[in-house]
Amino acid sequence: MMYLYAGLGVAAIAALTLFGWVLYRAGRNAARVQSERQNLSQADAQNATMARMNEAAASAPQTDDELLAKLRDGKEGQ
């Protein structure tokens, strides 16, 4: 009978240890997911900024003559 109680005690300790380890891993995974989401939103914001900068650089007049032609045609600022 003593072996039964000792076995049940060891099994209970093992079950609690396993449960604690699973909770620990779940917490680490949740933190990693949250961190990756934050990194993704920061990267999206940087990509949007770079896209706006590239668009502005691509549509800007390259020479004084091009700028004067755009101003003359009324296309600047559109």
C-alpha atoms as a PDB file:
ATOM      1  CA  MET A   1       0.000   0.000   0.000  1.00  0.00           C
ATOM      2  CA  MET A   2       2.895   2.311   0.722  1.00  0.00           C
ATOM      3  CA  TYR A   3       4.222   1.803  -2.787  1.00  0.00           C
ATOM      4  CA  LEU A   4       0.851   2.812  -4.205  1.00  0.00           C
ATOM      5  CA  TYR A   5       0.878   6.117  -2.303  1.00  0.00           C
ATOM      6  CA  ALA A   6       4.493   6.767  -3.230  1.00  0.00           C
ATOM      7  CA  GLY A   7       3.732   6.039  -6.894  1.00  0.00           C
ATOM      8  CA  LEU A   8       0.701   8.318  -6.833  1.00  0.00           C
ATOM      9  CA  GLY A   9       2.784  11.059  -5.225  1.00  0.00           C
ATOM     10  CA  VAL A  10       5.494  10.756  -7.868  1.00  0.00           C
ATOM     11  CA  ALA A  11       2.859  10.735 -10.604  1.00  0.00           C
ATOM     12  CA  ALA A  12       1.211  13.859  -9.150  1.00  0.00           C
ATOM     13  CA  ILE A  13       4.543  15.684  -8.945  1.00  0.00           C
ATOM     14  CA  ALA A  14       5.356  14.658 -12.520  1.00  0.00           C
ATOM     15  CA  ALA A  15       1.940  15.839 -13.727  1.00  0.00           C
ATOM     16  CA  LEU A  16       2.331  19.214 -11.992  1.00  0.00           C
ATOM     17  CA  THR A  17       5.830  19.614 -13.402  1.00  0.00           C
ATOM     18  CA  LEU A  18       4.612  18.813 -16.913  1.00  0.00           C
ATOM     19  CA  PHE A  19       1.686  21.216 -16.517  1.00  0.00           C
ATOM     20  CA  GLY A  20       4.035  23.983 -15.344  1.00  0.00           C
ATOM     21  CA  TRP A  21       6.395  23.372 -18.266  1.00  0.00           C
ATOM     22  CA  VAL A  22       3.509  23.511 -20.765  1.00  0.00           C
ATOM     23  CA  LEU A  23       2.293  26.804 -19.274  1.00  0.00           C
ATOM     24  CA  TYR A  24       5.829  28.217 -19.419  1.00  0.00           C
ATOM     25  CA  ARG A  25       6.179  27.306 -23.095  1.00  0.00           C
ATOM     26  CA  ALA A  26       2.741  28.723 -23.911  1.00  0.00           C
ATOM     27  CA  GLY A  27       3.708  32.019 -22.281  1.00  0.00           C
ATOM     28  CA  ARG A  28       6.962  32.203 -24.231  1.00  0.00           C
ATOM     29  CA  ASN A  29       5.165  31.450 -27.487  1.00  0.00           C
ATOM     30  CA  ALA A  30       2.528  34.108 -26.793  1.00  0.00           C
ATOM     31  CA  ALA A  31       5.252  36.675 -26.092  1.00  0.00           C
ATOM     32  CA  ARG A  32       7.032  35.730 -29.318  1.00  0.00           C
ATOM     33  CA  VAL A  33       3.827  36.106 -31.337  1.00  0.00           C
ATOM     34  CA  GLN A  34       3.160  39.524 -29.819  1.00  0.00           C
ATOM     35  CA  SER A  35       6.734  40.616 -30.562  1.00  0.00           C
ATOM     36  CA  GLU A  36       6.466  39.447 -34.170  1.00  0.00           C
ATOM     37  CA  ARG A  37       3.184  41.324 -34.632  1.00  0.00           C
ATOM     38  CA  GLN A  38       4.797  44.493 -33.298  1.00  0.00           C
ATOM     39  CA  ASN A  39       7.785  44.032 -35.617  1.00  0.00           C
ATOM     40  CA  LEU A  40       5.415  43.497 -38.543  1.00  0.00           C
ATOM     41  CA  SER A  41       3.482  46.697 -37.840  1.00  0.00           C
ATOM     42  CA  GLN A  42       6.743  48.665 -37.582  1.00  0.00           C
ATOM     43  CA  ALA A  43       7.964  47.188 -40.863  1.00  0.00           C
ATOM     44  CA  ASP A  44       4.655  48.047 -42.554  1.00  0.00           C
ATOM     45  CA  ALA A  45       4.964  51.651 -41.370  1.00  0.00           C
ATOM     46  CA  GLN A  46       8.538  51.870 -42.659  1.00  0.00           C
ATOM     47  CA  ASN A  47       7.525  50.373 -46.009  1.00  0.00           C
ATOM     48  CA  ALA A  48       4.687  52.872 -46.381  1.00  0.00           C
ATOM     49  CA  THR A  49       7.057  55.750 -45.609  1.00  0.00           C
ATOM     50  CA  MET A  50       9.627  54.490 -48.092  1.00  0.00           C
ATOM     51  CA  ALA A  51       6.928  54.061 -50.757  1.00  0.00           C
ATOM     52  CA  ARG A  52       5.825  57.683 -50.263  1.00  0.00           C
ATOM     53  CA  MET A  53       9.435  58.868 -50.421  1.00  0.00           C
ATOM     54  CA  ASN A  54      10.075  56.876 -53.605  1.00  0.00           C
ATOM     55  CA  GLU A  55       6.898  58.203 -55.208  1.00  0.00           C
ATOM     56  CA  ALA A  56       7.870  61.781 -54.359  1.00  0.00           C
ATOM     57  CA  ALA A  57      11.367  61.274 -55.739  1.00  0.00           C
ATOM     58  CA  ALA A  58      10.071  59.608 -58.900  1.00  0.00           C
ATOM     59  CA  SER A  59       7.493  62.280 -59.682  1.00  0.00           C
ATOM     60  CA  ALA A  60       9.700  65.273 -58.834  1.00  0.00           C
ATOM     61  CA  PRO A  61      11.055  67.342 -61.702  1.00  0.00           C
ATOM     62  CA  GLN A  62      14.663  66.498 -62.481  1.00  0.00           C
ATOM     63  CA  THR A  63      15.765  69.761 -64.034  1.00  0.00           C
ATOM     64  CA  ASP A  64      14.841  73.439 -63.845  1.00  0.00           C
ATOM     65  CA  ASP A  65      13.355  73.232 -67.329  1.00  0.00           C
ATOM     66  CA  GLU A  66      11.043  70.390 -66.285  1.00  0.00           C
ATOM     67  CA  LEU A  67       9.971  72.342 -63.189  1.00  0.00           C
ATOM     68  CA  LEU A  68       9.220  75.448 -65.253  1.00  0.00           C
ATOM     69  CA  ALA A  69       7.273  73.352 -67.771  1.00  0.00           C
ATOM     70  CA  LYS A  70       5.169  71.810 -64.998  1.00  0.00           C
ATOM     71  CA  LEU A  71       4.499  75.198 -63.449  1.00  0.00           C
ATOM     72  CA  ARG A  72       3.606  76.621 -66.849  1.00  0.00           C
ATOM     73  CA  ASP A  73       1.183  73.745 -67.543  1.00  0.00           C
ATOM     74  CA  GLY A  74      -0.383  73.980 -64.088  1.00  0.00           C
ATOM     75  CA  LYS A  75       0.552  70.399 -63.130  1.00  0.00           C
ATOM     76  CA  GLU A  76       2.712  71.188 -60.095  1.00  0.00           C
ATOM     77  CA  GLY A  77       1.102  70.249 -56.774  1.00  0.00           C
ATOM     78  CA  GLN A  78      -1.327  67.724 -58.210  1.00  0.00           C
END
